[in-house]
Amino acid sequence: MNTHQETNVMSAKEWALTIFLASLPIIGLILVLVWAFDTSTPINKKNWAKGSLLLMLIYFILAMVFLFMFGGLALLAGLAS
């Protein structure tokens, strides 16, 4: 189903504030979650928030892979000596 809804364009000031708030450590994650799944959020901000959450998930998975990989190598190096 293709539904087109009219949306207002966000100004540069609104985007700057959005990105600034999203960059705050814990509050930013909560805000991005709210923006991604709230029905009253403008569609362009909602899509940006969903994309940001996807990137956060990818970065988290990559960080865990590297942590386990290099942590395991360090553990093996410690056992060898």
Protein backbone atom coordinates (compact mmCIF):
# COMPACT_ATOMS: atom_id res chain seq x y z
CA MET A 1 0.00 0.00 0.00
CA ASN A 2 1.51 3.29 -1.05
CA THR A 3 0.27 6.14 1.08
CA HIS A 4 1.71 9.58 0.66
CA GLN A 5 1.38 11.88 3.61
CA GLU A 6 2.20 15.56 3.58
CA THR A 7 5.12 16.42 5.83
CA ASN A 8 6.72 19.67 6.80
CA VAL A 9 10.36 20.12 5.92
CA MET A 10 12.61 20.38 8.97
CA SER A 11 14.80 23.47 9.07
CA ALA A 12 18.56 23.40 9.50
CA LYS A 13 18.12 24.64 13.08
CA GLU A 14 15.75 21.75 13.87
CA TRP A 15 18.18 19.23 12.36
CA ALA A 16 21.11 20.72 14.29
CA LEU A 17 19.14 20.44 17.53
CA THR A 18 18.05 16.89 16.67
CA ILE A 19 21.60 15.75 15.95
CA PHE A 20 22.94 17.51 19.06
CA LEU A 21 20.35 15.87 21.30
CA ALA A 22 20.94 12.46 19.69
CA SER A 23 24.67 12.75 20.41
CA LEU A 24 24.15 12.99 24.19
CA PRO A 25 25.23 9.68 25.78
CA ILE A 26 22.16 8.12 27.42
CA ILE A 27 19.49 10.71 26.74
CA GLY A 28 20.32 10.58 23.03
CA LEU A 29 19.62 6.85 22.79
CA ILE A 30 16.29 7.28 24.57
CA LEU A 31 15.34 10.19 22.29
CA VAL A 32 16.29 8.27 19.14
CA LEU A 33 14.13 5.36 20.30
CA VAL A 34 11.21 7.72 20.94
CA TRP A 35 11.64 9.47 17.59
CA ALA A 36 11.86 6.15 15.74
CA PHE A 37 8.66 4.65 17.12
CA ASP A 38 6.44 7.61 18.10
CA THR A 39 3.50 8.16 15.76
CA SER A 40 3.56 11.96 16.12
CA THR A 41 7.20 12.30 14.98
CA PRO A 42 7.65 13.80 11.48
CA ILE A 43 8.36 11.07 8.91
CA ASN A 44 11.80 12.41 7.92
CA LYS A 45 12.95 12.49 11.56
CA LYS A 46 11.43 9.04 12.12
CA ASN A 47 13.33 7.57 9.16
CA TRP A 48 16.55 9.25 10.28
CA ALA A 49 16.11 7.82 13.79
CA LYS A 50 15.49 4.30 12.43
CA GLY A 51 18.64 4.57 10.30
CA SER A 52 20.60 5.81 13.31
CA LEU A 53 19.38 2.86 15.39
CA LEU A 54 20.41 0.47 12.63
CA LEU A 55 23.90 1.97 12.51
CA MET A 56 24.16 1.83 16.32
CA LEU A 57 23.27 -1.86 16.21
CA ILE A 58 25.84 -2.57 13.49
CA TYR A 59 28.56 -0.68 15.42
CA PHE A 60 27.66 -2.54 18.63
CA ILE A 61 27.88 -5.93 16.90
CA LEU A 62 31.23 -5.03 15.32
CA ALA A 63 32.55 -3.83 18.69
CA MET A 64 31.54 -7.12 20.34
CA VAL A 65 33.18 -9.15 17.56
CA PHE A 66 36.44 -7.22 17.94
CA LEU A 67 36.24 -7.39 21.73
CA PHE A 68 35.87 -11.17 21.74
CA MET A 69 38.44 -11.64 18.97
CA PHE A 70 41.18 -9.48 20.50
CA GLY A 71 40.23 -10.47 24.05
CA GLY A 72 40.61 -14.12 23.08
CA LEU A 73 43.97 -13.41 21.47
CA ALA A 74 45.17 -11.62 24.60
CA LEU A 75 43.97 -14.52 26.74
CA LEU A 76 45.80 -17.03 24.54
CA ALA A 77 48.96 -14.90 24.61
CA GLY A 78 48.75 -14.81 28.41
CA LEU A 79 48.38 -18.59 28.58
CA ALA A 80 51.35 -19.15 26.26
CA SER A 81 53.76 -17.22 28.46
